[in-house]
C-alpha atoms as a PDB file:
ATOM      1  CA  MET A   1     -81.138 -39.679-175.764  1.00  0.00           C
ATOM      2  CA  THR A   2     -84.829 -40.366-175.211  1.00  0.00           C
ATOM      3  CA  GLY A   3     -84.851 -40.019-171.437  1.00  0.00           C
ATOM      4  CA  ILE A   4     -85.560 -43.736-171.057  1.00  0.00           C
ATOM      5  CA  GLN A   5     -82.690 -45.484-169.393  1.00  0.00           C
ATOM      6  CA  GLU A   6     -81.297 -48.537-171.115  1.00  0.00           C
ATOM      7  CA  ARG A   7     -81.243 -51.725-169.079  1.00  0.00           C
ATOM      8  CA  THR A   8     -77.939 -53.149-168.026  1.00  0.00           C
ATOM      9  CA  PRO A   9     -77.322 -56.905-168.505  1.00  0.00           C
ATOM     10  CA  GLU A  10     -78.017 -57.382-164.775  1.00  0.00           C
ATOM     11  CA  GLN A  11     -81.437 -55.769-165.248  1.00  0.00           C
ATOM     12  CA  ASP A  12     -82.464 -57.791-168.287  1.00  0.00           C
ATOM     13  CA  LEU A  13     -85.946 -59.111-167.808  1.00  0.00           C
ATOM     14  CA  PRO A  14     -87.802 -61.700-169.874  1.00  0.00           C
ATOM     15  CA  TYR A  15     -90.473 -59.083-170.650  1.00  0.00           C
ATOM     16  CA  ASP A  16     -90.156 -55.701-172.339  1.00  0.00           C
ATOM     17  CA  VAL A  17     -93.168 -53.387-172.060  1.00  0.00           C
ATOM     18  CA  PHE A  18     -91.858 -51.371-174.999  1.00  0.00           C
ATOM     19  CA  ALA A  19     -92.285 -54.369-177.309  1.00  0.00           C
ATOM     20  CA  LYS A  20     -95.710 -54.377-178.955  1.00  0.00           C
ATOM     21  CA  ALA A  21     -96.425 -58.059-178.302  1.00  0.00           C
ATOM     22  CA  CYS A  22     -95.220 -58.098-174.678  1.00  0.00           C
ATOM     23  CA  PRO A  23     -97.957 -59.281-172.288  1.00  0.00           C
ATOM     24  CA  SER A  24     -96.730 -56.847-169.634  1.00  0.00           C
ATOM     25  CA  ARG A  25     -98.136 -53.997-171.730  1.00  0.00           C
ATOM     26  CA  GLY A  26    -101.728 -55.065-171.008  1.00  0.00           C
ATOM     27  CA  THR A  27    -101.097 -55.221-167.285  1.00  0.00           C
ATOM     28  CA  LEU A  28     -99.444 -51.802-167.372  1.00  0.00           C
ATOM     29  CA  GLU A  29    -102.535 -50.441-169.118  1.00  0.00           C
ATOM     30  CA  HIS A  30    -104.800 -51.989-166.464  1.00  0.00           C
ATOM     31  CA  VAL A  31    -102.701 -50.513-163.656  1.00  0.00           C
ATOM     32  CA  THR A  32    -102.100 -47.050-165.084  1.00  0.00           C
ATOM     33  CA  GLY A  33    -105.484 -46.419-166.640  1.00  0.00           C
ATOM     34  CA  ARG A  34    -107.637 -43.908-164.796  1.00  0.00           C
ATOM     35  CA  TRP A  35    -109.908 -46.451-163.145  1.00  0.00           C
ATOM     36  CA  GLY A  36    -107.214 -49.056-162.492  1.00  0.00           C
ATOM     37  CA  ALA A  37    -104.940 -46.627-160.669  1.00  0.00           C
ATOM     38  CA  LEU A  38    -107.795 -45.210-158.607  1.00  0.00           C
ATOM     39  CA  THR A  39    -109.167 -48.662-157.794  1.00  0.00           C
ATOM     40  CA  LEU A  40    -105.779 -49.928-156.654  1.00  0.00           C
ATOM     41  CA  GLY A  41    -105.255 -46.767-154.603  1.00  0.00           C
ATOM     42  CA  ALA A  42    -108.652 -47.119-152.946  1.00  0.00           C
ATOM     43  CA  LEU A  43    -108.124 -50.798-152.149  1.00  0.00           C
ATOM     44  CA  HIS A  44    -104.757 -49.972-150.597  1.00  0.00           C
ATOM     45  CA  GLU A  45    -106.800 -48.519-147.736  1.00  0.00           C
ATOM     46  CA  GLY A  46    -108.317 -51.968-147.088  1.00  0.00           C
ATOM     47  CA  SER A  47    -110.941 -54.443-148.235  1.00  0.00           C
ATOM     48  CA  LEU A  48    -114.060 -52.890-149.754  1.00  0.00           C
ATOM     49  CA  ARG A  49    -117.385 -54.090-151.069  1.00  0.00           C
ATOM     50  CA  PHE A  50    -118.308 -53.178-154.634  1.00  0.00           C
ATOM     51  CA  ASN A  51    -120.572 -50.233-153.752  1.00  0.00           C
ATOM     52  CA  GLU A  52    -118.119 -48.926-151.145  1.00  0.00           C
ATOM     53  CA  LEU A  53    -115.423 -49.009-153.782  1.00  0.00           C
ATOM     54  CA  ARG A  54    -117.682 -47.300-156.298  1.00  0.00           C
ATOM     55  CA  ARG A  55    -118.383 -44.474-153.831  1.00  0.00           C
ATOM     56  CA  ARG A  56    -114.667 -44.153-153.033  1.00  0.00           C
ATOM     57  CA  VAL A  57    -113.687 -43.964-156.720  1.00  0.00           C
ATOM     58  CA  ASP A  58    -115.940 -41.016-157.439  1.00  0.00           C
ATOM     59  CA  GLY A  59    -117.196 -40.855-161.024  1.00  0.00           C
ATOM     60  CA  VAL A  60    -116.637 -44.461-162.073  1.00  0.00           C
ATOM     61  CA  SER A  61    -119.652 -46.203-163.559  1.00  0.00           C
ATOM     62  CA  GLU A  62    -120.765 -49.596-162.326  1.00  0.00           C
ATOM     63  CA  LYS A  63    -119.818 -51.112-165.689  1.00  0.00           C
ATOM     64  CA  MET A  64    -116.324 -49.575-165.743  1.00  0.00           C
ATOM     65  CA  LEU A  65    -115.615 -50.564-162.143  1.00  0.00           C
ATOM     66  CA  SER A  66    -116.736 -54.109-162.854  1.00  0.00           C
ATOM     67  CA  GLN A  67    -114.508 -54.322-165.954  1.00  0.00           C
ATOM     68  CA  THR A  68    -111.584 -52.820-164.041  1.00  0.00           C
ATOM     69  CA  LEU A  69    -111.950 -55.256-161.155  1.00  0.00           C
ATOM     70  CA  HIS A  70    -112.145 -58.225-163.543  1.00  0.00           C
ATOM     71  CA  ALA A  71    -108.940 -57.114-165.311  1.00  0.00           C
ATOM     72  CA  LEU A  72    -107.086 -56.508-162.039  1.00  0.00           C
ATOM     73  CA  GLU A  73    -108.278 -59.830-160.627  1.00  0.00           C
ATOM     74  CA  ARG A  74    -107.166 -61.641-163.794  1.00  0.00           C
ATOM     75  CA  ASP A  75    -103.734 -59.989-163.501  1.00  0.00           C
ATOM     76  CA  GLY A  76    -103.445 -61.218-159.900  1.00  0.00           C
ATOM     77  CA  LEU A  77    -103.596 -57.773-158.306  1.00  0.00           C
ATOM     78  CA  VAL A  78    -107.045 -57.985-156.721  1.00  0.00           C
ATOM     79  CA  HIS A  79    -108.671 -60.830-154.823  1.00  0.00           C
ATOM     80  CA  ARG A  80    -112.456 -61.195-154.994  1.00  0.00           C
ATOM     81  CA  GLU A  81    -114.169 -63.003-152.159  1.00  0.00           C
ATOM     82  CA  ALA A  82    -117.826 -63.898-152.545  1.00  0.00           C
ATOM     83  CA  GLN A  83    -119.683 -64.946-149.417  1.00  0.00           C
ATOM     84  CA  SER A  84    -122.861 -66.946-149.756  1.00  0.00           C
ATOM     85  CA  THR A  85    -124.983 -64.793-147.501  1.00  0.00           C
ATOM     86  CA  ASN A  86    -128.400 -63.344-148.162  1.00  0.00           C
ATOM     87  CA  PRO A  87    -127.987 -60.889-149.778  1.00  0.00           C
ATOM     88  CA  PRO A  88    -124.707 -62.076-151.312  1.00  0.00           C
ATOM     89  CA  ARG A  89    -121.620 -60.205-150.164  1.00  0.00           C
ATOM     90  CA  VAL A  90    -118.553 -59.680-152.321  1.00  0.00           C
ATOM     91  CA  ASP A  91    -115.385 -58.105-150.956  1.00  0.00           C
ATOM     92  CA  TYR A  92    -112.359 -56.953-152.917  1.00  0.00           C
ATOM     93  CA  GLU A  93    -108.855 -56.641-151.553  1.00  0.00           C
ATOM     94  CA  LEU A  94    -105.346 -56.347-152.895  1.00  0.00           C
ATOM     95  CA  THR A  95    -103.137 -59.382-153.253  1.00  0.00           C
ATOM     96  CA  PRO A  96     -99.508 -59.082-152.099  1.00  0.00           C
ATOM     97  CA  LEU A  97     -98.558 -58.172-155.685  1.00  0.00           C
ATOM     98  CA  GLY A  98    -101.421 -55.673-155.770  1.00  0.00           C
ATOM     99  CA  HIS A  99    -100.121 -54.066-152.566  1.00  0.00           C
ATOM    100  CA  GLU A 100     -96.665 -53.693-154.086  1.00  0.00           C
ATOM    101  CA  VAL A 101     -98.060 -52.117-157.253  1.00  0.00           C
ATOM    102  CA  ALA A 102    -100.422 -49.848-155.274  1.00  0.00           C
ATOM    103  CA  GLU A 103     -97.543 -48.613-153.083  1.00  0.00           C
ATOM    104  CA  ARG A 104     -95.654 -47.452-156.158  1.00  0.00           C
ATOM    105  CA  LEU A 105     -98.764 -45.925-157.716  1.00  0.00           C
ATOM    106  CA  LEU A 106     -99.550 -44.036-154.526  1.00  0.00           C
ATOM    107  CA  GLY A 107     -96.046 -42.591-154.575  1.00  0.00           C
ATOM    108  CA  LEU A 108     -96.778 -41.198-158.037  1.00  0.00           C
ATOM    109  CA  ILE A 109    -100.264 -40.041-157.016  1.00  0.00           C
ATOM    110  CA  HIS A 110     -98.887 -38.196-153.992  1.00  0.00           C
ATOM    111  CA  LEU A 111     -96.156 -36.599-156.090  1.00  0.00           C
ATOM    112  CA  VAL A 112     -98.715 -35.319-158.598  1.00  0.00           C
ATOM    113  CA  GLU A 113    -101.082 -34.095-155.871  1.00  0.00           C
ATOM    114  CA  GLY A 114     -98.221 -32.340-154.107  1.00  0.00           C
ATOM    115  CA  ARG A 115     -97.121 -30.532-157.271  1.00  0.00           C
ATOM    116  CA  MET A 116    -100.560 -29.532-158.587  1.00  0.00           C
ATOM    117  CA  ASP A 117     -99.932 -25.816-157.958  1.00  0.00           C
ATOM    118  CA  GLU A 118     -97.057 -26.024-160.451  1.00  0.00           C
ATOM    119  CA  VAL A 119     -99.155 -28.022-162.914  1.00  0.00           C
ATOM    120  CA  LEU A 120    -102.053 -25.561-162.720  1.00  0.00           C
ATOM    121  CA  ALA A 121     -99.708 -22.601-163.179  1.00  0.00           C
ATOM    122  CA  SER A 122     -98.165 -24.303-166.209  1.00  0.00           C
ATOM    123  CA  ARG A 123    -101.602 -24.973-167.678  1.00  0.00           C
ATOM    124  CA  GLY A 124    -102.507 -21.324-167.205  1.00  0.00           C
ATOM    125  CA  ARG A 125     -99.352 -20.152-168.993  1.00  0.00           C
ATOM    126  CA  TYR A 126     -99.893 -22.647-171.798  1.00  0.00           C
ATOM    127  CA  ASP A 127    -103.511 -21.638-172.265  1.00  0.00           C
ATOM    128  CA  GLU A 128    -102.613 -17.933-172.295  1.00  0.00           C
ATOM    129  CA  THR A 129    -100.009 -18.376-175.024  1.00  0.00           C
ATOM    130  CA  ARG A 130    -101.964 -20.850-177.122  1.00  0.00           C
ATOM    131  CA  GLY A 131    -105.516 -19.686-176.596  1.00  0.00           C
ATOM    132  CA  GLY A 132    -106.149 -22.985-174.821  1.00  0.00           C
ATOM    133  CA  ARG A 133    -109.279 -24.463-173.446  1.00  0.00           C
END
């Protein structure tokens, strides 16, 4: 048993992320990558301009944030609204699908944050026994 539950006939979906050629795999990568997950989590708090988002997602470069937003917009998770003001204003917000995905991601994020004491203790034990980092 691999720990991955098999789907029942009622749960059969037309896409299978475990299949190499499945298009859902790319979206999963966009959502679960470091910058995608953090961007979706930050936008769950509300609409943000590019630089606000960049400050909120501490450590992301302008280039990586731009690439992440393009991928998430293409996947239908983020909506980009450009206003023709001077200077131009661009706001980003989650679509309904983006909100649903972000809700689930935030559940995982909160679980990990809430269990970090256990994770750090485990890392310490591992490093002690294996001469880790």
